[in-house]
Amino acid sequence: MADIGGYLLDNEGNPYKEPDTMKWAEGFEKMKKDRIVKQTTVKGHFVSTIFLGLDNSFGGHIPMLFETMIWFEDEDIYQDRHSTRQKAELAHDRLVNQITYGQELR
């Protein structure tokens, strides 16, 4: 079976490449709760950062494995992808602070 570019998380939450599609699918299904990095509701905005499990760089050199999205009134208003859990957590916290203090999302 072809390598779909799948990643799983080790026991410390760090991504690793899993080239076996069946092992990836089984592992990804088992780690449902571990895929959520952070979720915060602030001033009516829902900020969610998750582990995607697939490289979303679309041919880029650095795998984009995490995603932060913001919803307001059931509409997604912001999306960004990150290469590491640390960058994803920092971006999540930055966006929560920007919403909290009424700053423009960037």
N, C-alpha and C. Protein backbone atom coordinates (compact mmCIF):
# COMPACT_ATOMS: atom_id res chain seq x y z
N MET A 1 0.85 -1.18 0.00
CA MET A 1 0.00 0.00 0.00
C MET A 1 0.90 1.25 0.00
N ALA A 2 0.49 2.29 -0.69
CA ALA A 2 1.29 3.50 -0.83
C ALA A 2 1.36 4.28 0.47
N ASP A 3 2.49 4.95 0.67
CA ASP A 3 2.69 5.82 1.83
C ASP A 3 1.84 7.07 1.63
N ILE A 4 0.92 7.35 2.54
CA ILE A 4 0.04 8.51 2.41
C ILE A 4 0.60 9.74 3.13
N GLY A 5 1.79 9.63 3.69
CA GLY A 5 2.36 10.76 4.42
C GLY A 5 1.83 10.87 5.83
N GLY A 6 1.50 9.72 6.43
CA GLY A 6 0.90 9.72 7.75
C GLY A 6 1.90 9.83 8.88
N TYR A 7 1.47 10.50 9.95
CA TYR A 7 2.26 10.67 11.16
C TYR A 7 1.42 10.28 12.36
N LEU A 8 2.08 9.76 13.37
CA LEU A 8 1.46 9.48 14.66
C LEU A 8 2.24 10.22 15.73
N LEU A 9 1.76 10.17 16.96
CA LEU A 9 2.43 10.81 18.09
C LEU A 9 3.03 9.75 19.00
N ASP A 10 4.27 10.01 19.45
CA ASP A 10 4.88 9.09 20.41
C ASP A 10 4.34 9.40 21.81
N ASN A 11 4.85 8.72 22.82
CA ASN A 11 4.34 8.88 24.20
C ASN A 11 4.54 10.28 24.75
N GLU A 12 5.48 11.05 24.20
CA GLU A 12 5.71 12.42 24.66
C GLU A 12 4.94 13.44 23.82
N GLY A 13 4.17 12.96 22.85
CA GLY A 13 3.39 13.87 22.01
C GLY A 13 4.13 14.39 20.80
N ASN A 14 5.28 13.79 20.47
CA ASN A 14 6.06 14.21 19.31
C ASN A 14 5.68 13.38 18.09
N PRO A 15 5.51 14.02 16.92
CA PRO A 15 5.12 13.28 15.73
C PRO A 15 6.27 12.44 15.17
N TYR A 16 5.90 11.30 14.61
CA TYR A 16 6.85 10.48 13.87
C TYR A 16 6.15 9.92 12.64
N LYS A 17 6.90 9.73 11.58
CA LYS A 17 6.35 9.24 10.32
C LYS A 17 6.00 7.76 10.44
N GLU A 18 4.81 7.41 9.99
CA GLU A 18 4.38 6.01 9.94
C GLU A 18 4.05 5.68 8.49
N PRO A 19 4.99 5.03 7.78
CA PRO A 19 4.79 4.77 6.35
C PRO A 19 3.76 3.68 6.05
N ASP A 20 3.47 2.81 7.00
CA ASP A 20 2.50 1.74 6.78
C ASP A 20 1.10 2.32 6.97
N THR A 21 0.34 2.38 5.89
CA THR A 21 -0.98 3.02 5.91
C THR A 21 -1.93 2.37 6.91
N MET A 22 -1.93 1.05 6.98
CA MET A 22 -2.83 0.37 7.92
C MET A 22 -2.44 0.65 9.37
N LYS A 23 -1.13 0.62 9.67
CA LYS A 23 -0.68 0.94 11.03
C LYS A 23 -1.02 2.38 11.37
N TRP A 24 -0.86 3.28 10.39
CA TRP A 24 -1.19 4.68 10.62
C TRP A 24 -2.68 4.82 10.94
N ALA A 25 -3.54 4.22 10.12
CA ALA A 25 -4.99 4.34 10.30
C ALA A 25 -5.42 3.81 11.66
N GLU A 26 -4.89 2.65 12.04
CA GLU A 26 -5.24 2.07 13.34
C GLU A 26 -4.73 2.94 14.48
N GLY A 27 -3.50 3.41 14.38
CA GLY A 27 -2.92 4.26 15.42
C GLY A 27 -3.62 5.60 15.54
N PHE A 28 -3.95 6.19 14.39
CA PHE A 28 -4.62 7.49 14.39
C PHE A 28 -6.00 7.39 15.03
N GLU A 29 -6.71 6.32 14.76
CA GLU A 29 -8.04 6.11 15.35
C GLU A 29 -7.95 5.96 16.86
N LYS A 30 -6.92 5.27 17.34
CA LYS A 30 -6.77 5.02 18.78
C LYS A 30 -6.41 6.28 19.56
N MET A 31 -5.84 7.28 18.91
CA MET A 31 -5.36 8.45 19.63
C MET A 31 -6.29 9.66 19.49
N LYS A 32 -7.60 9.43 19.46
CA LYS A 32 -8.57 10.51 19.27
C LYS A 32 -8.36 11.66 20.26
N LYS A 33 -8.27 11.36 21.54
CA LYS A 33 -8.12 12.42 22.54
C LYS A 33 -6.76 13.10 22.45
N ASP A 34 -5.73 12.36 22.07
CA ASP A 34 -4.39 12.92 21.98
C ASP A 34 -4.22 13.87 20.80
N ARG A 35 -5.15 13.84 19.86
CA ARG A 35 -5.06 14.72 18.69
C ARG A 35 -5.38 16.17 19.05
N ILE A 36 -6.10 16.38 20.13
CA ILE A 36 -6.44 17.74 20.55
C ILE A 36 -5.26 18.31 21.34
N VAL A 37 -4.69 19.38 20.83
CA VAL A 37 -3.57 20.04 21.50
C VAL A 37 -4.12 21.02 22.53
N LYS A 38 -4.98 21.94 22.09
CA LYS A 38 -5.62 22.90 22.98
C LYS A 38 -6.94 23.34 22.37
N GLN A 39 -7.92 23.62 23.22
CA GLN A 39 -9.18 24.21 22.79
C GLN A 39 -9.60 25.24 23.82
N THR A 40 -9.93 26.43 23.34
CA THR A 40 -10.25 27.54 24.23
C THR A 40 -11.44 28.32 23.66
N THR A 41 -12.36 28.68 24.52
CA THR A 41 -13.43 29.58 24.12
C THR A 41 -13.20 30.91 24.82
N VAL A 42 -13.15 31.98 24.03
CA VAL A 42 -12.91 33.31 24.58
C VAL A 42 -13.70 34.33 23.76
N LYS A 43 -14.49 35.14 24.45
CA LYS A 43 -15.31 36.19 23.83
C LYS A 43 -16.11 35.67 22.64
N GLY A 44 -16.72 34.51 22.80
CA GLY A 44 -17.55 33.95 21.74
C GLY A 44 -16.80 33.27 20.62
N HIS A 45 -15.48 33.26 20.69
CA HIS A 45 -14.64 32.61 19.68
C HIS A 45 -14.19 31.25 20.22
N PHE A 46 -14.24 30.24 19.37
CA PHE A 46 -13.74 28.92 19.72
C PHE A 46 -12.41 28.72 18.99
N VAL A 47 -11.33 28.62 19.75
CA VAL A 47 -9.99 28.43 19.20
C VAL A 47 -9.61 26.97 19.42
N SER A 48 -9.28 26.27 18.34
CA SER A 48 -8.97 24.85 18.42
C SER A 48 -7.66 24.56 17.70
N THR A 49 -6.75 23.89 18.40
CA THR A 49 -5.48 23.47 17.81
C THR A 49 -5.40 21.96 17.94
N ILE A 50 -5.18 21.31 16.79
CA ILE A 50 -5.18 19.85 16.75
C ILE A 50 -3.97 19.32 15.97
N PHE A 51 -3.68 18.05 16.21
CA PHE A 51 -2.71 17.30 15.42
C PHE A 51 -3.48 16.70 14.25
N LEU A 52 -3.01 16.94 13.02
CA LEU A 52 -3.72 16.49 11.83
C LEU A 52 -3.44 15.03 11.45
N GLY A 53 -2.23 14.58 11.69
CA GLY A 53 -1.87 13.20 11.34
C GLY A 53 -1.41 13.01 9.91
N LEU A 54 -1.62 14.01 9.08
CA LEU A 54 -1.16 13.98 7.70
C LEU A 54 -0.41 15.26 7.40
N ASP A 55 0.57 15.18 6.53
CA ASP A 55 1.34 16.36 6.14
C ASP A 55 0.46 17.26 5.27
N ASN A 56 0.18 18.45 5.77
CA ASN A 56 -0.63 19.42 5.04
C ASN A 56 0.19 20.58 4.50
N SER A 57 1.46 20.28 4.15
CA SER A 57 2.31 21.32 3.55
C SER A 57 2.09 21.41 2.05
N PHE A 58 1.39 20.42 1.49
CA PHE A 58 1.09 20.38 0.06
C PHE A 58 2.35 20.53 -0.78
N GLY A 59 3.31 19.66 -0.50
CA GLY A 59 4.55 19.62 -1.28
C GLY A 59 5.68 20.46 -0.72
N GLY A 60 5.45 21.08 0.43
CA GLY A 60 6.50 21.89 1.05
C GLY A 60 7.58 21.02 1.65
N HIS A 61 8.67 21.62 2.02
CA HIS A 61 9.81 20.89 2.57
C HIS A 61 9.64 20.52 4.03
N ILE A 62 8.82 21.28 4.75
CA ILE A 62 8.60 21.03 6.17
C ILE A 62 7.17 20.54 6.35
N PRO A 63 6.98 19.35 6.93
CA PRO A 63 5.62 18.85 7.14
C PRO A 63 4.82 19.76 8.07
N MET A 64 3.61 20.08 7.67
CA MET A 64 2.69 20.85 8.50
C MET A 64 1.70 19.86 9.09
N LEU A 65 1.88 19.58 10.38
CA LEU A 65 1.16 18.49 11.03
C LEU A 65 0.12 18.95 12.06
N PHE A 66 0.11 20.23 12.37
CA PHE A 66 -0.82 20.77 13.36
C PHE A 66 -1.59 21.92 12.72
N GLU A 67 -2.82 22.14 13.22
CA GLU A 67 -3.66 23.19 12.66
C GLU A 67 -4.39 23.92 13.78
N THR A 68 -4.43 25.24 13.66
CA THR A 68 -5.22 26.08 14.56
C THR A 68 -6.32 26.74 13.74
N MET A 69 -7.53 26.63 14.24
CA MET A 69 -8.67 27.29 13.60
C MET A 69 -9.45 28.07 14.65
N ILE A 70 -10.10 29.12 14.18
CA ILE A 70 -10.97 29.92 15.04
C ILE A 70 -12.35 29.97 14.40
N TRP A 71 -13.36 29.70 15.21
CA TRP A 71 -14.74 29.81 14.77
C TRP A 71 -15.40 30.92 15.58
N PHE A 72 -16.25 31.68 14.91
CA PHE A 72 -17.07 32.69 15.57
C PHE A 72 -18.46 32.61 14.95
N GLU A 73 -19.46 32.41 15.79
CA GLU A 73 -20.84 32.26 15.32
C GLU A 73 -20.93 31.18 14.24
N ASP A 74 -20.34 30.02 14.52
CA ASP A 74 -20.39 28.84 13.65
C ASP A 74 -19.73 29.03 12.28
N GLU A 75 -18.91 30.04 12.13
CA GLU A 75 -18.20 30.26 10.87
C GLU A 75 -16.70 30.27 11.16
N ASP A 76 -15.94 29.50 10.35
CA ASP A 76 -14.49 29.54 10.58
C ASP A 76 -13.94 30.84 10.00
N ILE A 77 -13.20 31.54 10.85
CA ILE A 77 -12.70 32.87 10.46
C ILE A 77 -11.18 32.93 10.40
N TYR A 78 -10.52 31.85 10.80
CA TYR A 78 -9.06 31.86 10.81
C TYR A 78 -8.55 30.43 10.74
N GLN A 79 -7.44 30.24 10.03
CA GLN A 79 -6.81 28.93 9.96
C GLN A 79 -5.32 29.13 9.71
N ASP A 80 -4.53 28.34 10.42
CA ASP A 80 -3.08 28.35 10.20
C ASP A 80 -2.55 26.96 10.53
N ARG A 81 -1.47 26.58 9.87
CA ARG A 81 -0.86 25.28 10.12
C ARG A 81 0.55 25.45 10.65
N HIS A 82 0.99 24.42 11.40
CA HIS A 82 2.27 24.51 12.10
C HIS A 82 3.05 23.21 11.94
N SER A 83 4.37 23.32 12.02
CA SER A 83 5.23 22.15 11.81
C SER A 83 5.50 21.37 13.09
N THR A 84 5.41 22.02 14.24
CA THR A 84 5.70 21.34 15.50
C THR A 84 4.60 21.62 16.53
N ARG A 85 4.54 20.76 17.53
CA ARG A 85 3.56 20.96 18.61
C ARG A 85 3.87 22.26 19.36
N GLN A 86 5.14 22.53 19.59
CA GLN A 86 5.52 23.75 20.30
C GLN A 86 5.05 24.99 19.55
N LYS A 87 5.26 25.04 18.24
CA LYS A 87 4.81 26.19 17.44
C LYS A 87 3.29 26.28 17.46
N ALA A 88 2.61 25.14 17.43
CA ALA A 88 1.15 25.13 17.46
C ALA A 88 0.63 25.68 18.78
N GLU A 89 1.24 25.26 19.89
CA GLU A 89 0.82 25.75 21.20
C GLU A 89 1.06 27.24 21.34
N LEU A 90 2.20 27.72 20.86
CA LEU A 90 2.50 29.16 20.92
C LEU A 90 1.51 29.96 20.08
N ALA A 91 1.19 29.46 18.89
CA ALA A 91 0.23 30.15 18.02
C ALA A 91 -1.14 30.18 18.68
N HIS A 92 -1.55 29.09 19.27
CA HIS A 92 -2.85 29.02 19.95
C HIS A 92 -2.92 30.08 21.05
N ASP A 93 -1.91 30.12 21.90
CA ASP A 93 -1.89 31.09 23.00
C ASP A 93 -1.85 32.53 22.49
N ARG A 94 -1.11 32.77 21.42
CA ARG A 94 -1.03 34.12 20.84
C ARG A 94 -2.41 34.55 20.34
N LEU A 95 -3.11 33.66 19.66
CA LEU A 95 -4.43 33.99 19.13
C LEU A 95 -5.44 34.22 20.24
N VAL A 96 -5.40 33.41 21.28
CA VAL A 96 -6.29 33.61 22.43
C VAL A 96 -6.03 34.98 23.04
N ASN A 97 -4.77 35.35 23.18
CA ASN A 97 -4.44 36.68 23.73
C ASN A 97 -4.91 37.80 22.81
N GLN A 98 -4.76 37.62 21.50
CA GLN A 98 -5.21 38.65 20.56
C GLN A 98 -6.72 38.86 20.65
N ILE A 99 -7.47 37.77 20.76
CA ILE A 99 -8.92 37.88 20.92
C ILE A 99 -9.26 38.54 22.25
N THR A 100 -8.60 38.09 23.31
CA THR A 100 -8.86 38.61 24.66
C THR A 100 -8.67 40.11 24.71
N TYR A 101 -7.62 40.60 24.06
CA TYR A 101 -7.28 42.03 24.15
C TYR A 101 -7.75 42.82 22.93
N GLY A 102 -8.61 42.22 22.10
CA GLY A 102 -9.21 42.94 20.98
C GLY A 102 -8.25 43.30 19.87
N GLN A 103 -7.19 42.54 19.71
CA GLN A 103 -6.23 42.81 18.65
C GLN A 103 -6.62 42.10 17.37
N GLU A 104 -6.14 42.62 16.25
CA GLU A 104 -6.42 42.01 14.96
C GLU A 104 -5.75 40.65 14.88
N LEU A 105 -6.45 39.66 14.36
CA LEU A 105 -5.89 38.33 14.21
C LEU A 105 -4.85 38.34 13.10
N ARG A 106 -3.70 37.76 13.42
CA ARG A 106 -2.63 37.67 12.40
C ARG A 106 -1.89 36.38 12.56
